[in-house]
Amino acid sequence: MSQTHLEILQEIQNTQEQLQQLTEQKRQILACRSHPSPLAYYGSPYRAVYHQRLIKLETQLSEHKHILQQQLCQLEQELARVKSSSP
């Protein structure tokens, strides 16, 4: 295996780990939305702010996850190209 091949494999592994971390963070956010903080009791002005922040975080995580998935796809294509061009 060439150095480039190993570097791409390492990048793929790192990207997959980041995707797993994002998935866990999103799961935690969804759990928070299901069981809000005591500060976010019904009728509290904090509830709307709390809920909006959770939604914003969830949106940011989804966008980051989408970018990482695209990077992973590109890395896998690059790996296939490197494999096919090596003897």
Protein backbone atom coordinates (compact mmCIF):
# COMPACT_ATOMS: atom_id res chain seq x y z
CA MET A 1 0.00 0.00 0.00
CA SER A 2 1.24 3.44 -0.86
CA GLN A 3 1.54 6.30 1.60
CA THR A 4 -1.37 8.05 -0.16
CA HIS A 5 -3.50 4.94 0.24
CA LEU A 6 -2.75 4.82 3.98
CA GLU A 7 -3.42 8.54 4.38
CA ILE A 8 -6.81 8.20 2.68
CA LEU A 9 -7.70 5.21 4.86
CA GLN A 10 -6.77 7.25 7.96
CA GLU A 11 -8.89 10.18 6.79
CA ILE A 12 -11.81 7.83 6.16
CA GLN A 13 -11.46 6.40 9.67
CA ASN A 14 -11.26 9.90 11.21
CA THR A 15 -14.33 11.03 9.26
CA GLN A 16 -16.29 7.96 10.34
CA GLU A 17 -15.36 8.65 13.98
CA GLN A 18 -16.54 12.26 13.64
CA LEU A 19 -19.83 11.02 12.15
CA GLN A 20 -20.29 8.68 15.12
CA GLN A 21 -19.66 11.55 17.54
CA LEU A 22 -22.20 13.73 15.73
CA THR A 23 -24.76 10.94 15.82
CA GLU A 24 -24.26 10.62 19.60
CA GLN A 25 -24.54 14.39 20.09
CA LYS A 26 -27.75 14.45 18.07
CA ARG A 27 -29.14 11.60 20.17
CA GLN A 28 -28.37 13.60 23.32
CA ILE A 29 -30.09 16.69 21.90
CA LEU A 30 -33.18 14.66 21.03
CA ALA A 31 -33.19 13.26 24.57
CA CYS A 32 -33.03 16.82 25.94
CA ARG A 33 -35.95 17.84 23.75
CA SER A 34 -37.95 14.89 25.05
CA HIS A 35 -37.04 15.60 28.70
CA PRO A 36 -36.38 19.33 29.05
CA SER A 37 -34.49 20.92 31.88
CA PRO A 38 -36.47 21.88 35.00
CA LEU A 39 -35.74 25.50 34.00
CA ALA A 40 -37.78 24.90 30.86
CA TYR A 41 -41.07 24.16 32.59
CA TYR A 42 -44.29 24.91 30.74
CA GLY A 43 -45.16 28.57 30.63
CA SER A 44 -41.61 29.64 31.35
CA PRO A 45 -40.01 32.19 29.03
CA TYR A 46 -36.92 29.99 29.22
CA ARG A 47 -38.75 27.10 27.59
CA ALA A 48 -38.96 28.75 24.18
CA VAL A 49 -35.32 29.87 24.31
CA TYR A 50 -34.21 26.42 25.46
CA HIS A 51 -36.20 24.73 22.70
CA GLN A 52 -34.90 27.15 20.04
CA ARG A 53 -31.30 26.53 21.10
CA LEU A 54 -31.79 22.78 20.91
CA ILE A 55 -33.29 23.08 17.43
CA LYS A 56 -30.42 25.35 16.32
CA LEU A 57 -27.85 22.87 17.66
CA GLU A 58 -29.64 20.00 15.96
CA THR A 59 -29.66 21.91 12.66
CA GLN A 60 -25.94 22.69 12.94
CA LEU A 61 -25.16 19.05 13.71
CA SER A 62 -27.23 17.90 10.73
CA GLU A 63 -25.39 20.31 8.43
CA HIS A 64 -22.00 19.22 9.75
CA LYS A 65 -23.00 15.56 9.40
CA HIS A 66 -24.03 16.16 5.78
CA ILE A 67 -20.65 17.80 5.03
CA LEU A 68 -18.80 14.90 6.66
CA GLN A 69 -20.84 12.37 4.68
CA GLN A 70 -19.89 14.18 1.47
CA GLN A 71 -16.23 14.19 2.50
CA LEU A 72 -16.43 10.49 3.29
CA CYS A 73 -17.89 9.79 -0.15
CA GLN A 74 -15.12 11.82 -1.81
CA LEU A 75 -12.46 10.02 0.22
CA GLU A 76 -13.87 6.63 -0.75
CA GLN A 77 -13.84 7.67 -4.42
CA GLU A 78 -10.24 8.89 -4.05
CA LEU A 79 -9.29 5.60 -2.41
CA ALA A 80 -10.85 3.64 -5.27
CA ARG A 81 -8.95 5.80 -7.76
CA VAL A 82 -5.64 5.28 -5.91
CA LYS A 83 -6.25 1.53 -5.69
CA SER A 84 -7.00 1.27 -9.39
CA SER A 85 -3.94 3.32 -10.39
CA SER A 86 -1.47 1.43 -8.18
CA PRO A 87 0.24 -1.66 -9.61
